[in-house]
Protein backbone atom coordinates (compact mmCIF):
# COMPACT_ATOMS: atom_id res chain seq x y z
CA MET A 1 0.00 0.00 0.00
CA LYS A 2 1.25 3.48 -0.83
CA THR A 3 1.87 5.85 2.06
CA ASN A 4 2.80 9.08 0.23
CA HIS A 5 -0.75 10.09 -0.71
CA VAL A 6 -1.87 13.58 -1.70
CA ASP A 7 -4.24 15.90 0.15
CA LEU A 8 -7.60 14.43 -0.88
CA ALA A 9 -9.47 16.34 1.82
CA GLY A 10 -8.17 19.64 0.51
CA TYR A 11 -8.99 18.54 -3.03
CA LEU A 12 -12.59 17.64 -2.21
CA THR A 13 -13.16 20.80 -0.14
CA LYS A 14 -11.69 22.95 -2.93
CA SER A 15 -9.03 24.50 -0.66
CA LEU A 16 -6.01 23.76 -2.89
CA ASP A 17 -4.33 26.10 -5.34
CA ALA A 18 -3.96 25.32 -9.05
CA ASP A 19 -0.57 23.59 -8.70
CA GLN A 20 -1.80 21.42 -5.84
CA ILE A 21 -4.94 20.49 -7.78
CA ARG A 22 -2.76 19.43 -10.72
CA GLU A 23 -0.60 17.34 -8.38
CA VAL A 24 -3.69 15.58 -7.00
CA GLU A 25 -5.07 14.91 -10.50
CA GLU A 26 -1.77 13.40 -11.59
CA HIS A 27 -1.63 11.26 -8.45
CA LEU A 28 -5.23 10.03 -8.92
CA ALA A 29 -4.40 8.94 -12.45
CA GLY A 30 -2.01 6.30 -11.08
CA CYS A 31 -3.41 5.47 -7.64
CA ASP A 32 -6.41 3.13 -7.49
CA GLU A 33 -6.57 3.42 -3.72
CA CYS A 34 -6.93 7.21 -3.76
CA ARG A 35 -9.43 7.16 -6.64
CA ALA A 36 -11.60 4.76 -4.65
CA GLU A 37 -11.30 6.98 -1.58
CA VAL A 38 -12.31 10.07 -3.56
CA GLU A 39 -15.47 8.32 -4.74
CA SER A 40 -16.35 7.26 -1.18
CA LEU A 41 -15.79 10.79 0.14
CA ARG A 42 -17.81 12.55 -2.55
CA GLU A 43 -21.09 11.28 -1.04
CA TRP A 44 -20.30 12.94 2.29
CA THR A 45 -19.04 16.22 0.82
CA MET A 46 -22.16 16.49 -1.33
CA ALA A 47 -24.28 15.78 1.75
CA LEU A 48 -22.54 18.63 3.56
CA GLU A 49 -23.40 20.97 0.72
CA ALA A 50 -27.06 20.44 1.62
CA VAL A 51 -26.47 21.89 5.10
CA PRO A 52 -27.44 25.61 5.17
CA GLU A 53 -24.35 27.77 5.45
CA ALA A 54 -25.91 29.82 8.24
CA MET A 55 -26.12 26.73 10.44
CA LEU A 56 -22.42 26.00 9.99
CA LEU A 57 -21.36 29.60 10.59
CA ASP A 58 -23.83 30.83 13.20
CA GLY A 59 -24.93 27.58 14.81
CA PRO A 60 -28.44 26.11 15.29
CA PRO A 61 -31.32 27.85 17.05
CA ASP A 62 -31.20 27.91 20.84
CA ASP A 63 -34.07 25.44 21.11
CA ALA A 64 -32.52 22.94 18.69
CA ASP A 65 -31.78 19.39 19.71
CA LEU A 66 -28.72 19.14 21.99
CA LEU A 67 -27.09 16.51 19.76
CA LEU A 68 -27.43 18.81 16.74
CA GLN A 69 -25.87 21.70 18.68
CA ARG A 70 -22.89 19.57 19.68
CA THR A 71 -22.54 18.20 16.13
CA LEU A 72 -22.49 21.62 14.48
CA ARG A 73 -20.11 22.98 17.11
CA GLN A 74 -17.69 20.16 16.27
CA ILE A 75 -17.97 20.92 12.55
CA ARG A 76 -17.30 24.64 13.07
CA ASN A 77 -14.25 23.87 15.20
CA GLU A 78 -12.85 21.38 12.67
CA SER A 79 -13.55 23.83 9.84
CA ALA A 80 -11.27 26.51 11.33
CA GLY A 81 -8.30 25.17 9.33
CA ARG A 82 -8.42 24.89 5.54
CA ARG A 83 -7.38 21.25 5.35
CA HIS A 84 -7.81 18.22 7.55
CA ARG A 85 -6.90 14.57 7.56
CA ARG A 86 -9.13 12.47 5.35
CA THR A 87 -10.49 10.60 8.35
CA ALA A 88 -11.51 13.90 9.95
CA LEU A 89 -13.38 14.88 6.79
CA VAL A 90 -15.36 11.64 6.78
CA GLY A 91 -16.04 11.80 10.50
CA ALA A 92 -17.15 15.42 10.40
CA ALA A 93 -19.37 14.85 7.40
CA ALA A 94 -20.97 11.80 8.94
CA ALA A 95 -21.48 13.64 12.21
CA VAL A 96 -23.27 16.61 10.67
CA VAL A 97 -25.47 14.46 8.43
CA VAL A 98 -26.48 12.23 11.34
CA GLY A 99 -26.99 15.26 13.58
CA LEU A 100 -29.25 16.96 11.09
CA SER A 101 -31.24 13.80 10.54
CA VAL A 102 -31.84 13.45 14.29
CA ALA A 103 -32.98 17.07 14.57
CA SER A 104 -35.23 17.14 11.53
CA GLY A 105 -36.21 13.50 11.02
CA VAL A 106 -34.57 13.42 7.61
CA VAL A 107 -31.67 11.20 6.60
CA VAL A 108 -29.60 12.63 3.76
CA GLY A 109 -28.82 10.16 0.99
CA HIS A 110 -30.67 7.19 2.46
CA SER A 111 -34.27 6.04 2.73
CA THR A 112 -36.04 4.25 5.57
CA ALA A 113 -38.61 2.79 3.18
CA PRO A 114 -38.20 -0.79 1.97
CA PRO A 115 -35.75 -1.02 -0.94
CA LYS A 116 -37.29 -0.85 -4.38
CA ALA A 117 -36.08 -2.53 -7.53
CA GLN A 118 -33.80 -0.20 -9.47
CA PRO A 119 -34.41 0.24 -13.20
CA VAL A 120 -31.76 -0.91 -15.62
CA PRO A 121 -29.58 2.10 -16.60
CA THR A 122 -30.32 3.46 -20.04
CA GLN A 123 -28.44 5.76 -22.37
CA SER A 124 -30.70 8.70 -21.51
CA VAL A 125 -29.34 11.32 -19.10
CA PRO A 126 -31.70 13.37 -16.87
CA THR A 127 -31.21 17.12 -17.15
CA THR A 128 -33.21 18.59 -14.27
CA ALA A 129 -30.60 21.01 -12.85
CA PRO A 130 -30.92 24.60 -14.14
CA GLY A 131 -28.20 25.45 -16.64
CA THR A 132 -27.43 21.82 -17.45
CA LYS A 133 -25.94 21.25 -20.91
CA THR A 134 -26.36 17.99 -22.79
CA ALA A 135 -24.64 16.55 -25.84
CA THR A 136 -24.20 13.26 -27.70
CA ALA A 137 -21.49 12.07 -30.07
CA VAL A 138 -20.32 8.88 -31.78
CA ASP A 139 -16.64 8.53 -32.63
CA PRO A 140 -16.29 7.80 -36.38
CA VAL A 141 -13.30 5.51 -35.83
CA THR A 142 -13.98 3.59 -32.60
CA LYS A 143 -17.80 3.80 -32.93
CA ALA A 144 -17.95 4.47 -29.17
CA ARG A 145 -20.92 6.62 -28.14
CA ILE A 146 -21.17 9.16 -25.31
CA THR A 147 -24.14 11.14 -24.00
CA VAL A 148 -23.38 13.68 -21.27
CA ALA A 149 -25.18 16.12 -19.00
CA VAL A 150 -22.95 18.78 -17.45
CA ALA A 151 -24.57 20.60 -14.52
CA PRO A 152 -22.99 23.84 -13.24
CA ALA A 153 -21.90 24.43 -9.65
CA PRO A 154 -19.90 27.33 -8.13
CA GLY A 155 -16.44 26.84 -9.63
CA TRP A 156 -16.97 23.21 -10.75
CA VAL A 157 -19.33 20.92 -12.62
CA ARG A 158 -21.24 17.70 -12.06
CA VAL A 159 -21.08 15.23 -14.93
CA LYS A 160 -23.42 12.35 -15.79
CA ALA A 161 -22.33 10.27 -18.75
CA ALA A 162 -23.70 7.26 -20.60
CA VAL A 163 -20.96 5.48 -22.55
CA SER A 164 -21.26 2.50 -24.90
CA GLY A 165 -19.22 0.74 -27.57
CA ILE A 166 -16.07 0.15 -25.52
CA PRO A 167 -14.70 -3.41 -25.18
CA ALA A 168 -14.75 -5.24 -21.85
CA GLY A 169 -11.61 -4.98 -19.78
CA GLU A 170 -10.62 -1.48 -20.86
CA ARG A 171 -9.53 0.78 -17.97
CA CYS A 172 -11.18 4.09 -18.82
CA ARG A 173 -11.12 7.66 -17.61
CA LEU A 174 -13.93 10.18 -17.91
CA GLU A 175 -12.30 13.59 -18.36
CA VAL A 176 -13.63 17.13 -18.59
CA VAL A 177 -11.51 19.21 -20.96
CA ALA A 178 -11.24 22.94 -20.27
CA ARG A 179 -10.97 25.60 -22.96
CA ASP A 180 -7.23 25.90 -22.31
CA GLY A 181 -6.80 22.19 -23.10
CA THR A 182 -6.41 21.01 -19.50
CA ALA A 183 -8.05 17.60 -18.91
CA ILE A 184 -9.52 17.09 -15.43
CA LEU A 185 -10.49 13.63 -14.17
CA ALA A 186 -14.20 13.25 -13.43
CA GLY A 187 -14.27 9.47 -12.93
CA SER A 188 -12.71 6.15 -13.89
CA TRP A 189 -13.85 2.56 -14.34
CA VAL A 190 -13.10 -0.82 -15.85
CA VAL A 191 -15.54 -1.80 -18.59
CA SER A 192 -17.40 -4.95 -17.58
CA ALA A 193 -18.93 -7.52 -19.90
CA THR A 194 -22.34 -5.98 -19.21
CA GLY A 195 -20.95 -2.50 -19.83
CA ALA A 196 -19.49 -3.61 -23.12
CA ALA A 197 -22.84 -5.03 -24.21
CA ASP A 198 -25.28 -2.50 -22.75
CA GLY A 199 -23.21 0.58 -21.95
CA THR A 200 -22.11 2.17 -18.69
CA THR A 201 -23.67 5.11 -16.83
CA LEU A 202 -21.33 7.24 -14.71
CA ASP A 203 -21.66 10.12 -12.25
CA GLY A 204 -18.68 12.34 -11.57
CA SER A 205 -17.46 15.88 -10.97
CA ALA A 206 -14.55 18.05 -12.07
CA LEU A 207 -12.94 21.24 -10.81
CA VAL A 208 -13.53 23.21 -13.98
CA PRO A 209 -15.60 26.44 -13.95
CA PRO A 210 -18.84 25.84 -15.87
CA ASP A 211 -18.09 28.54 -18.46
CA GLN A 212 -14.67 27.01 -19.16
CA VAL A 213 -15.87 23.51 -20.09
CA ALA A 214 -15.06 22.71 -23.73
CA SER A 215 -15.73 18.98 -23.98
CA VAL A 216 -16.04 15.66 -22.19
CA ARG A 217 -14.05 12.65 -23.34
CA VAL A 218 -13.32 9.00 -22.56
CA VAL A 219 -9.71 7.85 -22.75
CA THR A 220 -7.88 4.75 -21.56
CA GLU A 221 -5.13 4.81 -18.97
CA GLY A 222 -2.75 4.30 -21.88
CA GLY A 223 -3.96 7.49 -23.58
CA LYS A 224 -6.21 6.08 -26.32
CA GLN A 225 -9.26 8.23 -26.88
CA TYR A 226 -12.48 6.31 -27.48
CA THR A 227 -14.92 9.18 -27.80
CA SER A 228 -15.33 12.89 -27.14
CA VAL A 229 -18.21 15.37 -27.26
CA ALA A 230 -18.18 19.16 -27.29
CA VAL A 231 -20.35 20.79 -24.63
């Protein structure tokens, strides 16, 4: 196991400068362990985004549940520095999500209802977020197809992609390409037999300002481009 990992907490909380972000992206390209950790942390960081900023800065009302008060106080204290250990990020995120669910009766990201059968992913991409851009392209050489929805966020974008026509076993990267030519990793996967036959649907994100997104592409770890679409 590698021990010289980069600052994933700073990367996910957008507290790194441009050079540090580039260093993290380069590290993620060659570190399966860190890529897996980024994916596991994204759920918690996105859950934290649902917490009203006023509650994190000013604290809960005086009559709020005691557990919620203690939880938010811990988050404010841990948020005093710009970066934290990855374990602290997970712990803090889990604490605030659980605390808010206790106070309001809502659990972020999970349901207490019995599990329902999930539909088989299709090549369609929902575009409900305001300002979302969609595009589809088929590479004339590889015949690989990509349909994307790029949703804007402050200083970054969320990406949903449906990809088909790539052989099983390929180790692929979903990249958002900025107008200056910089390619930012939004996700990675290994094409399964099912994915090769029916396509693969991916959710990811990239630290590219929405107005600077030029295209979204799929390339292998070896640099072969399977498909690309202008956005």
